[in-house]
N, C-alpha and C. Protein backbone atom coordinates (compact mmCIF):
# COMPACT_ATOMS: atom_id res chain seq x y z
N MET A 1 -9.91 9.66 13.64
CA MET A 1 -8.87 8.66 13.79
C MET A 1 -8.21 8.40 12.43
N ASN A 2 -6.90 8.39 12.41
CA ASN A 2 -6.16 8.19 11.17
C ASN A 2 -5.82 6.72 10.95
N ARG A 3 -5.70 6.34 9.68
CA ARG A 3 -5.32 4.98 9.32
C ARG A 3 -4.00 5.02 8.57
N LYS A 4 -3.17 4.00 8.77
CA LYS A 4 -1.94 3.83 8.00
C LYS A 4 -2.21 2.79 6.93
N ILE A 5 -1.93 3.16 5.68
CA ILE A 5 -2.21 2.28 4.55
C ILE A 5 -0.91 2.04 3.80
N LEU A 6 -0.67 0.80 3.42
CA LEU A 6 0.49 0.44 2.61
C LEU A 6 0.01 0.15 1.19
N LEU A 7 0.62 0.83 0.21
CA LEU A 7 0.34 0.57 -1.19
C LEU A 7 1.54 -0.13 -1.80
N ILE A 8 1.29 -1.21 -2.52
CA ILE A 8 2.34 -1.95 -3.20
C ILE A 8 2.13 -1.77 -4.69
N LEU A 9 3.11 -1.19 -5.37
CA LEU A 9 3.04 -0.99 -6.81
C LEU A 9 3.94 -2.02 -7.47
N SER A 10 3.36 -2.90 -8.30
CA SER A 10 4.13 -3.94 -8.96
C SER A 10 3.78 -3.97 -10.44
N ASN A 11 4.42 -4.85 -11.18
CA ASN A 11 4.20 -4.97 -12.62
C ASN A 11 3.97 -6.44 -12.95
N ARG A 12 2.74 -6.78 -13.33
CA ARG A 12 2.44 -8.18 -13.62
C ARG A 12 3.00 -8.65 -14.95
N TRP A 13 3.35 -7.72 -15.85
CA TRP A 13 3.90 -8.10 -17.15
C TRP A 13 5.41 -8.24 -17.13
N ASN A 14 6.07 -7.57 -16.19
CA ASN A 14 7.52 -7.63 -16.07
C ASN A 14 7.84 -7.92 -14.60
N ARG A 15 7.95 -9.19 -14.25
CA ARG A 15 8.17 -9.59 -12.86
C ARG A 15 9.56 -9.23 -12.35
N SER A 16 10.49 -8.89 -13.24
CA SER A 16 11.83 -8.51 -12.78
C SER A 16 11.88 -7.07 -12.28
N GLN A 17 10.84 -6.29 -12.53
CA GLN A 17 10.78 -4.91 -12.05
C GLN A 17 10.56 -4.92 -10.54
N LYS A 18 11.27 -4.07 -9.83
CA LYS A 18 11.17 -4.02 -8.37
C LYS A 18 9.82 -3.48 -7.92
N PHE A 19 9.39 -3.97 -6.77
CA PHE A 19 8.18 -3.46 -6.15
C PHE A 19 8.46 -2.07 -5.60
N ARG A 20 7.43 -1.23 -5.58
CA ARG A 20 7.51 0.08 -4.94
C ARG A 20 6.51 0.08 -3.80
N PHE A 21 6.91 0.63 -2.68
CA PHE A 21 6.07 0.66 -1.50
C PHE A 21 5.82 2.11 -1.11
N VAL A 22 4.56 2.45 -0.87
CA VAL A 22 4.16 3.80 -0.49
C VAL A 22 3.31 3.69 0.77
N GLU A 23 3.61 4.54 1.73
CA GLU A 23 2.85 4.59 2.98
C GLU A 23 1.96 5.83 2.95
N LEU A 24 0.68 5.63 3.20
CA LEU A 24 -0.27 6.74 3.23
C LEU A 24 -0.87 6.87 4.62
N ALA A 25 -1.14 8.11 5.00
CA ALA A 25 -1.92 8.39 6.21
C ALA A 25 -3.23 8.98 5.73
N ALA A 26 -4.34 8.37 6.12
CA ALA A 26 -5.66 8.81 5.67
C ALA A 26 -6.61 8.90 6.85
N ASP A 27 -7.62 9.78 6.70
CA ASP A 27 -8.63 9.85 7.74
C ASP A 27 -9.75 8.86 7.42
N ASN A 28 -10.76 8.80 8.26
CA ASN A 28 -11.83 7.82 8.08
C ASN A 28 -12.70 8.09 6.86
N LYS A 29 -12.68 9.32 6.34
CA LYS A 29 -13.46 9.64 5.15
C LYS A 29 -12.73 9.26 3.87
N GLY A 30 -11.46 8.88 3.97
CA GLY A 30 -10.69 8.49 2.80
C GLY A 30 -9.79 9.57 2.25
N ASN A 31 -9.72 10.71 2.90
CA ASN A 31 -8.84 11.79 2.46
C ASN A 31 -7.40 11.46 2.81
N VAL A 32 -6.51 11.60 1.84
CA VAL A 32 -5.09 11.32 2.07
C VAL A 32 -4.47 12.52 2.75
N LEU A 33 -3.90 12.31 3.92
CA LEU A 33 -3.29 13.39 4.68
C LEU A 33 -1.79 13.50 4.42
N LYS A 34 -1.15 12.34 4.23
CA LYS A 34 0.31 12.34 4.04
C LYS A 34 0.69 11.14 3.19
N GLU A 35 1.68 11.34 2.33
CA GLU A 35 2.20 10.27 1.47
C GLU A 35 3.70 10.19 1.67
N ARG A 36 4.21 8.95 1.79
CA ARG A 36 5.64 8.77 1.98
C ARG A 36 6.11 7.52 1.24
N PRO A 37 6.98 7.69 0.23
CA PRO A 37 7.54 6.50 -0.43
C PRO A 37 8.55 5.82 0.50
N LEU A 38 8.53 4.50 0.52
CA LEU A 38 9.43 3.73 1.37
C LEU A 38 10.61 3.23 0.56
N ARG A 39 11.74 3.09 1.19
CA ARG A 39 12.96 2.63 0.49
C ARG A 39 12.91 1.16 0.15
N GLY A 40 12.22 0.39 0.95
CA GLY A 40 12.13 -1.06 0.74
C GLY A 40 10.89 -1.62 1.40
N GLN A 41 10.79 -2.92 1.38
CA GLN A 41 9.63 -3.58 1.98
C GLN A 41 9.68 -3.45 3.50
N PRO A 42 8.56 -3.07 4.12
CA PRO A 42 8.53 -2.99 5.59
C PRO A 42 8.77 -4.36 6.21
N ARG A 43 9.32 -4.36 7.41
CA ARG A 43 9.68 -5.62 8.06
C ARG A 43 8.67 -6.09 9.10
N LYS A 44 7.86 -5.16 9.61
CA LYS A 44 6.91 -5.57 10.64
C LYS A 44 5.49 -5.15 10.25
N ALA A 45 4.54 -5.84 10.81
CA ALA A 45 3.13 -5.57 10.53
C ALA A 45 2.71 -4.32 11.29
N ALA A 46 2.54 -3.22 10.57
CA ALA A 46 2.20 -1.96 11.21
C ALA A 46 1.14 -1.18 10.44
N TYR A 47 0.38 -1.84 9.57
CA TYR A 47 -0.55 -1.13 8.70
C TYR A 47 -1.98 -1.61 8.93
N ASP A 48 -2.91 -0.68 8.82
CA ASP A 48 -4.32 -1.01 8.98
C ASP A 48 -4.88 -1.67 7.71
N GLU A 49 -4.37 -1.27 6.55
CA GLU A 49 -4.82 -1.83 5.28
C GLU A 49 -3.63 -1.98 4.35
N VAL A 50 -3.69 -2.98 3.46
CA VAL A 50 -2.67 -3.19 2.43
C VAL A 50 -3.39 -3.31 1.09
N TRP A 51 -2.99 -2.46 0.13
CA TRP A 51 -3.58 -2.45 -1.21
C TRP A 51 -2.48 -2.65 -2.23
N GLU A 52 -2.81 -3.25 -3.38
CA GLU A 52 -1.81 -3.51 -4.41
C GLU A 52 -2.35 -3.11 -5.78
N ASN A 53 -1.45 -2.57 -6.60
CA ASN A 53 -1.72 -2.29 -8.01
C ASN A 53 -0.64 -2.99 -8.81
N ASP A 54 -1.03 -3.76 -9.82
CA ASP A 54 -0.05 -4.52 -10.60
C ASP A 54 0.00 -4.09 -12.06
N GLU A 55 -0.32 -2.82 -12.34
CA GLU A 55 -0.32 -2.31 -13.70
C GLU A 55 1.04 -1.76 -14.15
N GLY A 56 2.02 -1.72 -13.28
CA GLY A 56 3.35 -1.23 -13.64
C GLY A 56 3.49 0.28 -13.59
N LYS A 57 2.62 0.97 -12.87
CA LYS A 57 2.69 2.42 -12.74
C LYS A 57 3.77 2.80 -11.74
N SER A 58 4.29 4.02 -11.87
CA SER A 58 5.38 4.44 -10.99
C SER A 58 4.90 5.22 -9.77
N SER A 59 3.67 5.71 -9.78
CA SER A 59 3.14 6.43 -8.62
C SER A 59 1.69 6.03 -8.40
N TRP A 60 1.21 6.21 -7.19
CA TRP A 60 -0.15 5.79 -6.88
C TRP A 60 -1.17 6.74 -7.50
N ALA A 61 -0.80 7.97 -7.79
CA ALA A 61 -1.72 8.93 -8.39
C ALA A 61 -2.04 8.56 -9.85
N ALA A 62 -1.15 7.82 -10.51
CA ALA A 62 -1.36 7.43 -11.90
C ALA A 62 -2.16 6.14 -12.03
N CYS A 63 -2.43 5.47 -10.94
CA CYS A 63 -3.13 4.18 -10.98
C CYS A 63 -4.65 4.38 -11.09
N ASN A 64 -5.27 3.46 -11.80
CA ASN A 64 -6.72 3.52 -11.97
C ASN A 64 -7.47 2.71 -10.92
N ARG A 65 -6.88 1.61 -10.46
CA ARG A 65 -7.56 0.76 -9.48
C ARG A 65 -6.54 0.07 -8.59
N PHE A 66 -7.02 -0.30 -7.42
CA PHE A 66 -6.22 -1.05 -6.45
C PHE A 66 -7.04 -2.24 -5.99
N ARG A 67 -6.34 -3.28 -5.58
CA ARG A 67 -6.98 -4.45 -5.00
C ARG A 67 -6.55 -4.58 -3.55
N ARG A 68 -7.50 -4.86 -2.70
CA ARG A 68 -7.20 -5.04 -1.28
C ARG A 68 -6.60 -6.41 -1.07
N LYS A 69 -5.48 -6.47 -0.38
CA LYS A 69 -4.83 -7.73 -0.03
C LYS A 69 -5.22 -8.06 1.41
N TYR A 70 -6.11 -9.02 1.56
CA TYR A 70 -6.60 -9.35 2.88
C TYR A 70 -6.67 -10.84 3.04
N PRO A 71 -6.16 -11.43 4.05
CA PRO A 71 -5.21 -10.90 5.02
C PRO A 71 -3.81 -10.85 4.44
N HIS A 72 -3.02 -9.91 4.88
CA HIS A 72 -1.66 -9.71 4.39
C HIS A 72 -0.71 -9.77 5.59
N PRO A 73 0.50 -10.31 5.41
CA PRO A 73 1.43 -10.42 6.54
C PRO A 73 1.84 -9.07 7.15
N LEU A 74 1.76 -7.98 6.38
CA LEU A 74 2.15 -6.68 6.91
C LEU A 74 0.98 -5.91 7.52
N GLU A 75 -0.17 -6.53 7.55
CA GLU A 75 -1.35 -5.90 8.14
C GLU A 75 -1.44 -6.24 9.61
N LYS A 76 -1.79 -5.24 10.44
CA LYS A 76 -1.94 -5.48 11.87
C LYS A 76 -3.10 -6.41 12.10
N LYS A 77 -2.99 -7.22 13.11
CA LYS A 77 -4.07 -8.11 13.49
C LYS A 77 -5.20 -7.30 14.11
N ALA A 78 -6.42 -7.68 13.84
CA ALA A 78 -7.57 -6.99 14.40
C ALA A 78 -7.68 -7.25 15.89
N ARG A 79 -8.02 -6.23 16.62
CA ARG A 79 -8.19 -6.36 18.07
C ARG A 79 -9.59 -6.86 18.36
N LYS A 80 -9.71 -7.70 19.39
CA LYS A 80 -11.02 -8.22 19.76
C LYS A 80 -11.60 -7.45 20.91
């Protein structure tokens, strides 16, 4: 089963820098199957996980760590 993950790349030292949004498709073992940069912030909650990096990096491959944003407005609600 695949998961949709939203990565938010921001800069905590320069708040005027725009956020970058990247959508990843990953399997349950954590292998990244597909990467897609988004043009802007998503409008609806369609992601299984939301992670953020605030080091000011331009791509997710250059980042050293991510923080899980839980609960996040763009994260799908858990099914009961």
